[in-house]
PDB file of all heavy atoms in Angstrom:
ATOM      1  N   GLY A   1     -17.354  12.487  -6.287  1.00  0.00           N
ATOM      2  CA  GLY A   1     -16.540  12.724  -5.106  1.00  0.00           C
ATOM      3  C   GLY A   1     -15.350  11.796  -5.030  1.00  0.00           C
ATOM      4  O   GLY A   1     -15.239  10.845  -5.824  1.00  0.00           O
ATOM      5  N   THR A   2     -14.449  12.108  -4.150  1.00  0.00           N
ATOM      6  CA  THR A   2     -13.225  11.362  -4.057  1.00  0.00           C
ATOM      7  C   THR A   2     -13.400   9.905  -3.695  1.00  0.00           C
ATOM      8  O   THR A   2     -12.543   9.069  -4.004  1.00  0.00           O
ATOM      9  CB  THR A   2     -12.217  12.019  -3.079  1.00  0.00           C
ATOM     10  OG1 THR A   2     -12.907  12.192  -1.820  1.00  0.00           O
ATOM     11  CG2 THR A   2     -11.818  13.426  -3.565  1.00  0.00           C
ATOM     12  N   LEU A   3     -14.496   9.591  -2.936  1.00  0.00           N
ATOM     13  CA  LEU A   3     -14.713   8.153  -2.650  1.00  0.00           C
ATOM     14  C   LEU A   3     -15.106   7.310  -3.807  1.00  0.00           C
ATOM     15  O   LEU A   3     -15.247   6.076  -3.674  1.00  0.00           O
ATOM     16  CB  LEU A   3     -15.796   8.081  -1.547  1.00  0.00           C
ATOM     17  CG  LEU A   3     -15.413   8.601  -0.156  1.00  0.00           C
ATOM     18  CD1 LEU A   3     -16.576   8.485   0.809  1.00  0.00           C
ATOM     19  CD2 LEU A   3     -14.176   7.799   0.436  1.00  0.00           C
ATOM     20  N   ALA A   4     -15.385   7.921  -4.967  1.00  0.00           N
ATOM     21  CA  ALA A   4     -15.774   7.101  -6.148  1.00  0.00           C
ATOM     22  C   ALA A   4     -14.700   6.126  -6.552  1.00  0.00           C
ATOM     23  O   ALA A   4     -15.009   5.072  -7.123  1.00  0.00           O
ATOM     24  CB  ALA A   4     -16.058   8.076  -7.268  1.00  0.00           C
ATOM     25  N   ILE A   5     -13.415   6.411  -6.198  1.00  0.00           N
ATOM     26  CA  ILE A   5     -12.359   5.513  -6.582  1.00  0.00           C
ATOM     27  C   ILE A   5     -12.479   4.140  -5.862  1.00  0.00           C
ATOM     28  O   ILE A   5     -12.056   3.099  -6.308  1.00  0.00           O
ATOM     29  CB  ILE A   5     -10.999   6.134  -6.272  1.00  0.00           C
ATOM     30  CG1 ILE A   5      -9.860   5.358  -6.898  1.00  0.00           C
ATOM     31  CG2 ILE A   5     -10.787   6.300  -4.736  1.00  0.00           C
ATOM     32  CD1 ILE A   5      -8.509   5.975  -6.699  1.00  0.00           C
ATOM     33  N   ASP A   6     -13.165   4.138  -4.696  1.00  0.00           N
ATOM     34  CA  ASP A   6     -13.245   2.901  -3.914  1.00  0.00           C
ATOM     35  C   ASP A   6     -13.981   1.806  -4.659  1.00  0.00           C
ATOM     36  O   ASP A   6     -13.711   0.634  -4.339  1.00  0.00           O
ATOM     37  CB  ASP A   6     -13.983   3.195  -2.604  1.00  0.00           C
ATOM     38  CG  ASP A   6     -13.208   4.033  -1.645  1.00  0.00           C
ATOM     39  OD1 ASP A   6     -12.012   4.217  -1.884  1.00  0.00           O
ATOM     40  OD2 ASP A   6     -13.758   4.443  -0.623  1.00  0.00           O
ATOM     41  N   ARG A   7     -14.819   2.130  -5.555  1.00  0.00           N
ATOM     42  CA  ARG A   7     -15.619   1.119  -6.274  1.00  0.00           C
ATOM     43  C   ARG A   7     -14.707   0.180  -7.112  1.00  0.00           C
ATOM     44  O   ARG A   7     -15.070  -0.938  -7.409  1.00  0.00           O
ATOM     45  CB  ARG A   7     -16.638   1.744  -7.162  1.00  0.00           C
ATOM     46  CG  ARG A   7     -17.671   2.574  -6.456  1.00  0.00           C
ATOM     47  CD  ARG A   7     -18.543   3.379  -7.376  1.00  0.00           C
ATOM     48  NE  ARG A   7     -17.739   4.321  -8.161  1.00  0.00           N
ATOM     49  CZ  ARG A   7     -18.136   4.875  -9.304  1.00  0.00           C
ATOM     50  NH1 ARG A   7     -19.339   4.594  -9.812  1.00  0.00           N
ATOM     51  NH2 ARG A   7     -17.399   5.707  -9.897  1.00  0.00           N
ATOM     52  N   PHE A   8     -13.568   0.735  -7.545  1.00  0.00           N
ATOM     53  CA  PHE A   8     -12.760  -0.042  -8.497  1.00  0.00           C
ATOM     54  C   PHE A   8     -11.452  -0.481  -7.900  1.00  0.00           C
ATOM     55  O   PHE A   8     -10.484  -0.778  -8.606  1.00  0.00           O
ATOM     56  CB  PHE A   8     -12.519   0.846  -9.719  1.00  0.00           C
ATOM     57  CG  PHE A   8     -13.759   1.345 -10.378  1.00  0.00           C
ATOM     58  CD1 PHE A   8     -14.078   2.660 -10.439  1.00  0.00           C
ATOM     59  CD2 PHE A   8     -14.676   0.472 -10.887  1.00  0.00           C
ATOM     60  CE1 PHE A   8     -15.217   3.149 -11.017  1.00  0.00           C
ATOM     61  CE2 PHE A   8     -15.852   0.866 -11.462  1.00  0.00           C
ATOM     62  CZ  PHE A   8     -16.114   2.207 -11.550  1.00  0.00           C
ATOM     63  N   LEU A   9     -11.411  -0.560  -6.560  1.00  0.00           N
ATOM     64  CA  LEU A   9     -10.235  -1.043  -5.849  1.00  0.00           C
ATOM     65  C   LEU A   9     -10.625  -2.285  -4.988  1.00  0.00           C
ATOM     66  O   LEU A   9     -11.705  -2.422  -4.565  1.00  0.00           O
ATOM     67  CB  LEU A   9      -9.692   0.015  -4.939  1.00  0.00           C
ATOM     68  CG  LEU A   9      -9.104   1.285  -5.577  1.00  0.00           C
ATOM     69  CD1 LEU A   9      -8.886   2.341  -4.527  1.00  0.00           C
ATOM     70  CD2 LEU A   9      -7.802   0.970  -6.285  1.00  0.00           C
ATOM     71  N   ARG A  10      -9.584  -3.139  -4.729  1.00  0.00           N
ATOM     72  CA  ARG A  10      -9.775  -4.244  -3.801  1.00  0.00           C
ATOM     73  C   ARG A  10      -8.532  -4.322  -2.888  1.00  0.00           C
ATOM     74  O   ARG A  10      -7.394  -4.053  -3.358  1.00  0.00           O
ATOM     75  CB  ARG A  10     -10.034  -5.560  -4.513  1.00  0.00           C
ATOM     76  CG  ARG A  10      -8.858  -6.103  -5.371  1.00  0.00           C
ATOM     77  CD  ARG A  10      -9.172  -7.392  -5.986  1.00  0.00           C
ATOM     78  NE  ARG A  10      -8.051  -7.917  -6.717  1.00  0.00           N
ATOM     79  CZ  ARG A  10      -7.046  -8.625  -6.227  1.00  0.00           C
ATOM     80  NH1 ARG A  10      -7.057  -8.915  -4.922  1.00  0.00           N
ATOM     81  NH2 ARG A  10      -6.051  -9.072  -6.965  1.00  0.00           N
ATOM     82  N   PRO A  11      -8.686  -4.699  -1.667  1.00  0.00           N
ATOM     83  CA  PRO A  11      -7.586  -4.763  -0.743  1.00  0.00           C
ATOM     84  C   PRO A  11      -6.745  -6.044  -0.960  1.00  0.00           C
ATOM     85  O   PRO A  11      -7.336  -7.105  -1.195  1.00  0.00           O
ATOM     86  CB  PRO A  11      -8.201  -4.678   0.651  1.00  0.00           C
ATOM     87  CG  PRO A  11      -9.599  -5.333   0.419  1.00  0.00           C
ATOM     88  CD  PRO A  11      -9.961  -4.918  -0.958  1.00  0.00           C
ATOM     89  N   VAL A  12      -5.471  -5.956  -0.816  1.00  0.00           N
ATOM     90  CA  VAL A  12      -4.558  -7.117  -0.796  1.00  0.00           C
ATOM     91  C   VAL A  12      -3.663  -6.963   0.414  1.00  0.00           C
ATOM     92  O   VAL A  12      -3.076  -5.915   0.680  1.00  0.00           O
ATOM     93  CB  VAL A  12      -3.700  -7.135  -2.089  1.00  0.00           C
ATOM     94  CG1 VAL A  12      -2.726  -8.368  -2.075  1.00  0.00           C
ATOM     95  CG2 VAL A  12      -4.563  -7.223  -3.317  1.00  0.00           C
ATOM     96  N   CYS A  13      -3.497  -8.055   1.150  1.00  0.00           N
ATOM     97  CA  CYS A  13      -2.677  -8.130   2.359  1.00  0.00           C
ATOM     98  C   CYS A  13      -1.415  -8.949   2.120  1.00  0.00           C
ATOM     99  O   CYS A  13      -1.506 -10.045   1.547  1.00  0.00           O
ATOM    100  CB  CYS A  13      -3.445  -8.650   3.538  1.00  0.00           C
ATOM    101  SG  CYS A  13      -2.468  -8.808   5.041  1.00  0.00           S
ATOM    102  N   TYR A  14      -0.216  -8.436   2.485  1.00  0.00           N
ATOM    103  CA  TYR A  14       1.064  -9.184   2.413  1.00  0.00           C
ATOM    104  C   TYR A  14       1.448  -9.487   3.853  1.00  0.00           C
ATOM    105  O   TYR A  14       1.520  -8.595   4.723  1.00  0.00           O
ATOM    106  CB  TYR A  14       2.148  -8.300   1.751  1.00  0.00           C
ATOM    107  CG  TYR A  14       1.959  -8.201   0.274  1.00  0.00           C
ATOM    108  CD1 TYR A  14       1.045  -7.255  -0.280  1.00  0.00           C
ATOM    109  CD2 TYR A  14       2.706  -9.006  -0.594  1.00  0.00           C
ATOM    110  CE1 TYR A  14       0.937  -7.180  -1.686  1.00  0.00           C
ATOM    111  CE2 TYR A  14       2.546  -8.946  -1.979  1.00  0.00           C
ATOM    112  CZ  TYR A  14       1.625  -8.005  -2.499  1.00  0.00           C
ATOM    113  OH  TYR A  14       1.532  -7.910  -3.850  1.00  0.00           O
ATOM    114  N   GLN A  15       1.757 -10.774   4.101  1.00  0.00           N
ATOM    115  CA  GLN A  15       2.150 -11.217   5.440  1.00  0.00           C
ATOM    116  C   GLN A  15       3.543 -11.763   5.415  1.00  0.00           C
ATOM    117  O   GLN A  15       3.869 -12.680   4.670  1.00  0.00           O
ATOM    118  CB  GLN A  15       1.165 -12.286   5.973  1.00  0.00           C
ATOM    119  CG  GLN A  15       1.417 -12.744   7.348  1.00  0.00           C
ATOM    120  CD  GLN A  15       0.349 -13.611   7.977  1.00  0.00           C
ATOM    121  OE1 GLN A  15      -0.796 -13.412   7.623  1.00  0.00           O
ATOM    122  NE2 GLN A  15       0.635 -14.528   8.871  1.00  0.00           N
ATOM    123  N   ASN A  16       4.387 -11.147   6.244  1.00  0.00           N
ATOM    124  CA  ASN A  16       5.815 -11.540   6.340  1.00  0.00           C
ATOM    125  C   ASN A  16       6.506 -11.566   4.983  1.00  0.00           C
ATOM    126  O   ASN A  16       7.341 -12.513   4.741  1.00  0.00           O
ATOM    127  CB  ASN A  16       5.924 -12.878   7.037  1.00  0.00           C
ATOM    128  CG  ASN A  16       5.477 -12.831   8.530  1.00  0.00           C
ATOM    129  OD1 ASN A  16       5.588 -11.780   9.115  1.00  0.00           O
ATOM    130  ND2 ASN A  16       4.930 -13.975   9.019  1.00  0.00           N
ATOM    131  N   CYS A  17       6.239 -10.641   4.182  1.00  0.00           N
ATOM    132  CA  CYS A  17       6.771 -10.628   2.817  1.00  0.00           C
ATOM    133  C   CYS A  17       8.134  -9.942   2.796  1.00  0.00           C
ATOM    134  O   CYS A  17       8.291  -8.857   3.480  1.00  0.00           O
ATOM    135  CB  CYS A  17       5.821  -9.881   1.872  1.00  0.00           C
ATOM    136  SG  CYS A  17       6.433  -9.783   0.193  1.00  0.00           S
ATOM    137  N   PRO A  18       9.140 -10.484   2.163  1.00  0.00           N
ATOM    138  CA  PRO A  18      10.423  -9.785   2.087  1.00  0.00           C
ATOM    139  C   PRO A  18      10.303  -8.369   1.485  1.00  0.00           C
ATOM    140  O   PRO A  18       9.421  -8.167   0.567  1.00  0.00           O
ATOM    141  CB  PRO A  18      11.248 -10.681   1.120  1.00  0.00           C
ATOM    142  CG  PRO A  18      10.659 -12.052   1.242  1.00  0.00           C
ATOM    143  CD  PRO A  18       9.186 -11.794   1.461  1.00  0.00           C
ATOM    144  N   ASP A  19      11.003  -7.434   1.959  1.00  0.00           N
ATOM    145  CA  ASP A  19      10.823  -6.028   1.591  1.00  0.00           C
ATOM    146  C   ASP A  19      11.018  -5.868   0.087  1.00  0.00           C
ATOM    147  O   ASP A  19      10.249  -5.057  -0.497  1.00  0.00           O
ATOM    148  CB  ASP A  19      11.881  -5.183   2.390  1.00  0.00           C
ATOM    149  CG  ASP A  19      11.570  -3.691   2.128  1.00  0.00           C
ATOM    150  OD1 ASP A  19      10.577  -3.147   2.704  1.00  0.00           O
ATOM    151  OD2 ASP A  19      12.349  -3.053   1.360  1.00  0.00           O
ATOM    152  N   ASN A  20      11.973  -6.571  -0.489  1.00  0.00           N
ATOM    153  CA  ASN A  20      12.192  -6.349  -1.928  1.00  0.00           C
ATOM    154  C   ASN A  20      11.101  -6.931  -2.799  1.00  0.00           C
ATOM    155  O   ASN A  20      11.092  -6.640  -4.023  1.00  0.00           O
ATOM    156  CB  ASN A  20      13.568  -6.922  -2.347  1.00  0.00           C
ATOM    157  CG  ASN A  20      13.672  -8.434  -2.172  1.00  0.00           C
ATOM    158  OD1 ASN A  20      12.917  -8.997  -1.329  1.00  0.00           O
ATOM    159  ND2 ASN A  20      14.489  -9.106  -2.891  1.00  0.00           N
ATOM    160  N   LEU A  21      10.213  -7.690  -2.241  1.00  0.00           N
ATOM    161  CA  LEU A  21       9.051  -8.243  -3.072  1.00  0.00           C
ATOM    162  C   LEU A  21       7.772  -7.459  -2.818  1.00  0.00           C
ATOM    163  O   LEU A  21       6.786  -7.654  -3.509  1.00  0.00           O
ATOM    164  CB  LEU A  21       8.820  -9.701  -2.686  1.00  0.00           C
ATOM    165  CG  LEU A  21       9.925 -10.695  -3.076  1.00  0.00           C
ATOM    166  CD1 LEU A  21       9.581 -12.082  -2.626  1.00  0.00           C
ATOM    167  CD2 LEU A  21      10.187 -10.678  -4.577  1.00  0.00           C
ATOM    168  N   LEU A  22       7.772  -6.516  -1.860  1.00  0.00           N
ATOM    169  CA  LEU A  22       6.629  -5.746  -1.605  1.00  0.00           C
ATOM    170  C   LEU A  22       6.364  -4.717  -2.716  1.00  0.00           C
ATOM    171  O   LEU A  22       7.250  -4.232  -3.319  1.00  0.00           O
ATOM    172  CB  LEU A  22       6.754  -4.999  -0.291  1.00  0.00           C
ATOM    173  CG  LEU A  22       6.612  -5.831   1.036  1.00  0.00           C
ATOM    174  CD1 LEU A  22       7.123  -4.990   2.209  1.00  0.00           C
ATOM    175  CD2 LEU A  22       5.240  -6.329   1.240  1.00  0.00           C
ATOM    176  N   PRO A  23       5.063  -4.352  -2.943  1.00  0.00           N
ATOM    177  CA  PRO A  23       4.795  -3.232  -3.809  1.00  0.00           C
ATOM    178  C   PRO A  23       5.427  -1.953  -3.229  1.00  0.00           C
ATOM    179  O   PRO A  23       5.601  -1.868  -1.985  1.00  0.00           O
ATOM    180  CB  PRO A  23       3.240  -3.132  -3.767  1.00  0.00           C
ATOM    181  CG  PRO A  23       2.761  -4.398  -3.181  1.00  0.00           C
ATOM    182  CD  PRO A  23       3.854  -4.947  -2.381  1.00  0.00           C
ATOM    183  N   ASP A  24       5.742  -0.992  -4.085  1.00  0.00           N
ATOM    184  CA  ASP A  24       6.352   0.215  -3.617  1.00  0.00           C
ATOM    185  C   ASP A  24       5.589   0.929  -2.473  1.00  0.00           C
ATOM    186  O   ASP A  24       6.165   1.532  -1.563  1.00  0.00           O
ATOM    187  CB  ASP A  24       6.603   1.197  -4.800  1.00  0.00           C
ATOM    188  CG  ASP A  24       7.697   0.768  -5.662  1.00  0.00           C
ATOM    189  OD1 ASP A  24       8.492  -0.116  -5.288  1.00  0.00           O
ATOM    190  OD2 ASP A  24       7.785   1.357  -6.782  1.00  0.00           O
ATOM    191  N   ALA A  25       4.259   0.768  -2.558  1.00  0.00           N
ATOM    192  CA  ALA A  25       3.386   1.439  -1.564  1.00  0.00           C
ATOM    193  C   ALA A  25       3.610   0.890  -0.211  1.00  0.00           C
ATOM    194  O   ALA A  25       3.273   1.568   0.846  1.00  0.00           O
ATOM    195  CB  ALA A  25       1.943   1.350  -1.965  1.00  0.00           C
ATOM    196  N   LEU A  26       4.204  -0.336  -0.064  1.00  0.00           N
ATOM    197  CA  LEU A  26       4.334  -0.951   1.221  1.00  0.00           C
ATOM    198  C   LEU A  26       5.808  -1.163   1.660  1.00  0.00           C
ATOM    199  O   LEU A  26       6.074  -1.663   2.804  1.00  0.00           O
ATOM    200  CB  LEU A  26       3.671  -2.363   1.148  1.00  0.00           C
ATOM    201  CG  LEU A  26       2.127  -2.377   0.959  1.00  0.00           C
ATOM    202  CD1 LEU A  26       1.606  -3.807   0.865  1.00  0.00           C
ATOM    203  CD2 LEU A  26       1.422  -1.562   1.994  1.00  0.00           C
ATOM    204  N   LYS A  27       6.770  -0.792   0.857  1.00  0.00           N
ATOM    205  CA  LYS A  27       8.161  -0.969   1.214  1.00  0.00           C
ATOM    206  C   LYS A  27       8.571  -0.112   2.347  1.00  0.00           C
ATOM    207  O   LYS A  27       8.050   0.996   2.540  1.00  0.00           O
ATOM    208  CB  LYS A  27       9.029  -0.726  -0.019  1.00  0.00           C
ATOM    209  CG  LYS A  27       8.935  -1.816  -1.081  1.00  0.00           C
ATOM    210  CD  LYS A  27       9.814  -1.521  -2.288  1.00  0.00           C
ATOM    211  CE  LYS A  27       9.756  -2.692  -3.282  1.00  0.00           C
ATOM    212  NZ  LYS A  27      10.551  -2.359  -4.526  1.00  0.00           N
ATOM    213  N   ASN A  28       9.525  -0.589   3.139  1.00  0.00           N
ATOM    214  CA  ASN A  28      10.010   0.158   4.229  1.00  0.00           C
ATOM    215  C   ASN A  28      10.439   1.620   3.904  1.00  0.00           C
ATOM    216  O   ASN A  28      10.173   2.540   4.644  1.00  0.00           O
ATOM    217  CB  ASN A  28      11.184  -0.545   4.946  1.00  0.00           C
ATOM    218  CG  ASN A  28      10.713  -1.824   5.649  1.00  0.00           C
ATOM    219  OD1 ASN A  28       9.542  -1.941   5.996  1.00  0.00           O
ATOM    220  ND2 ASN A  28      11.644  -2.769   5.756  1.00  0.00           N
ATOM    221  N   ALA A  29      11.086   1.765   2.786  1.00  0.00           N
ATOM    222  CA  ALA A  29      11.677   3.064   2.426  1.00  0.00           C
ATOM    223  C   ALA A  29      10.540   4.024   1.923  1.00  0.00           C
ATOM    224  O   ALA A  29      10.840   5.227   1.769  1.00  0.00           O
ATOM    225  CB  ALA A  29      12.706   2.918   1.359  1.00  0.00           C
ATOM    226  N   ASN A  30       9.387   3.553   1.672  1.00  0.00           N
ATOM    227  CA  ASN A  30       8.281   4.394   1.198  1.00  0.00           C
ATOM    228  C   ASN A  30       8.700   5.253  -0.026  1.00  0.00           C
ATOM    229  O   ASN A  30       8.682   6.463  -0.014  1.00  0.00           O
ATOM    230  CB  ASN A  30       7.724   5.291   2.329  1.00  0.00           C
ATOM    231  CG  ASN A  30       6.422   5.924   1.933  1.00  0.00           C
ATOM    232  OD1 ASN A  30       5.769   5.553   0.895  1.00  0.00           O
ATOM    233  ND2 ASN A  30       5.977   6.937   2.724  1.00  0.00           N
ATOM    234  N   PRO A  31       9.181   4.536  -1.095  1.00  0.00           N
ATOM    235  CA  PRO A  31       9.663   5.274  -2.253  1.00  0.00           C
ATOM    236  C   PRO A  31       8.594   6.242  -2.902  1.00  0.00           C
ATOM    237  O   PRO A  31       9.032   7.179  -3.542  1.00  0.00           O
ATOM    238  CB  PRO A  31      10.133   4.229  -3.181  1.00  0.00           C
ATOM    239  CG  PRO A  31       9.324   2.987  -2.808  1.00  0.00           C
ATOM    240  CD  PRO A  31       9.196   3.113  -1.317  1.00  0.00           C
ATOM    241  N   LEU A  32       7.373   5.968  -2.710  1.00  0.00           N
ATOM    242  CA  LEU A  32       6.382   6.805  -3.317  1.00  0.00           C
ATOM    243  C   LEU A  32       6.080   8.066  -2.455  1.00  0.00           C
ATOM    244  O   LEU A  32       5.354   8.986  -2.900  1.00  0.00           O
ATOM    245  CB  LEU A  32       5.029   6.033  -3.462  1.00  0.00           C
ATOM    246  CG  LEU A  32       5.136   4.772  -4.380  1.00  0.00           C
ATOM    247  CD1 LEU A  32       3.744   4.068  -4.440  1.00  0.00           C
ATOM    248  CD2 LEU A  32       5.600   5.144  -5.773  1.00  0.00           C
ATOM    249  N   GLY A  33       6.553   8.103  -1.230  1.00  0.00           N
ATOM    250  CA  GLY A  33       6.347   9.212  -0.315  1.00  0.00           C
ATOM    251  C   GLY A  33       4.919   9.436   0.019  1.00  0.00           C
ATOM    252  O   GLY A  33       4.476  10.647   0.125  1.00  0.00           O
ATOM    253  N   ILE A  34       4.135   8.383   0.149  1.00  0.00           N
ATOM    254  CA  ILE A  34       2.717   8.513   0.412  1.00  0.00           C
ATOM    255  C   ILE A  34       2.453   8.404   1.919  1.00  0.00           C
ATOM    256  O   ILE A  34       3.183   7.919   2.661  1.00  0.00           O
ATOM    257  CB  ILE A  34       1.881   7.461  -0.363  1.00  0.00           C
ATOM    258  CG1 ILE A  34       2.361   6.078   0.045  1.00  0.00           C
ATOM    259  CG2 ILE A  34       2.047   7.634  -1.873  1.00  0.00           C
ATOM    260  CD1 ILE A  34       1.557   4.925  -0.501  1.00  0.00           C
ATOM    261  N   ALA A  35       1.294   8.963   2.275  1.00  0.00           N
ATOM    262  CA  ALA A  35       0.826   8.841   3.664  1.00  0.00           C
ATOM    263  C   ALA A  35       0.392   7.405   3.923  1.00  0.00           C
ATOM    264  O   ALA A  35      -0.345   6.846   3.184  1.00  0.00           O
ATOM    265  CB  ALA A  35      -0.315   9.834   3.932  1.00  0.00           C
ATOM    266  N   ARG A  36       0.855   6.874   5.053  1.00  0.00           N
ATOM    267  CA  ARG A  36       0.527   5.474   5.392  1.00  0.00           C
ATOM    268  C   ARG A  36       0.231   5.364   6.884  1.00  0.00           C
ATOM    269  O   ARG A  36       0.713   6.138   7.695  1.00  0.00           O
ATOM    270  CB  ARG A  36       1.723   4.540   5.059  1.00  0.00           C
ATOM    271  CG  ARG A  36       2.244   4.675   3.645  1.00  0.00           C
ATOM    272  CD  ARG A  36       3.202   3.601   3.256  1.00  0.00           C
ATOM    273  NE  ARG A  36       4.421   3.638   4.031  1.00  0.00           N
ATOM    274  CZ  ARG A  36       5.499   2.862   3.763  1.00  0.00           C
ATOM    275  NH1 ARG A  36       5.443   1.957   2.786  1.00  0.00           N
ATOM    276  NH2 ARG A  36       6.595   2.927   4.536  1.00  0.00           N
ATOM    277  N   LEU A  37      -0.673   4.434   7.241  1.00  0.00           N
ATOM    278  CA  LEU A  37      -0.949   4.120   8.646  1.00  0.00           C
ATOM    279  C   LEU A  37      -0.109   2.951   9.071  1.00  0.00           C
ATOM    280  O   LEU A  37      -0.140   1.875   8.530  1.00  0.00           O
ATOM    281  CB  LEU A  37      -2.428   3.774   8.802  1.00  0.00           C
ATOM    282  CG  LEU A  37      -3.450   4.937   8.715  1.00  0.00           C
ATOM    283  CD1 LEU A  37      -4.858   4.351   8.866  1.00  0.00           C
ATOM    284  CD2 LEU A  37      -3.203   6.004   9.773  1.00  0.00           C
ATOM    285  N   VAL A  38       0.739   3.270  10.076  1.00  0.00           N
ATOM    286  CA  VAL A  38       1.601   2.191  10.660  1.00  0.00           C
ATOM    287  C   VAL A  38       1.172   2.047  12.134  1.00  0.00           C
ATOM    288  O   VAL A  38       1.278   2.974  12.943  1.00  0.00           O
ATOM    289  CB  VAL A  38       3.110   2.611  10.557  1.00  0.00           C
ATOM    290  CG1 VAL A  38       3.965   1.487  11.167  1.00  0.00           C
ATOM    291  CG2 VAL A  38       3.490   2.874   9.161  1.00  0.00           C
ATOM    292  N   ASP A  39       0.574   0.886  12.424  1.00  0.00           N
ATOM    293  CA  ASP A  39       0.039   0.638  13.784  1.00  0.00           C
ATOM    294  C   ASP A  39      -0.929   1.711  14.184  1.00  0.00           C
ATOM    295  O   ASP A  39      -0.916   2.218  15.358  1.00  0.00           O
ATOM    296  CB  ASP A  39       1.118   0.491  14.808  1.00  0.00           C
ATOM    297  CG  ASP A  39       1.919  -0.804  14.636  1.00  0.00           C
ATOM    298  OD1 ASP A  39       1.301  -1.774  14.140  1.00  0.00           O
ATOM    299  OD2 ASP A  39       3.094  -0.822  14.968  1.00  0.00           O
TER     300      ASP A  39
END
């Protein structure tokens, strides 16, 4: 099932990180076009 991927992932948190240093998944412009939860 689709939840099988969770076994091989770990969470990483960025706090007050400059936008240009963020991974693409977290940048303001959302260059990957992925669904994200904001607040």
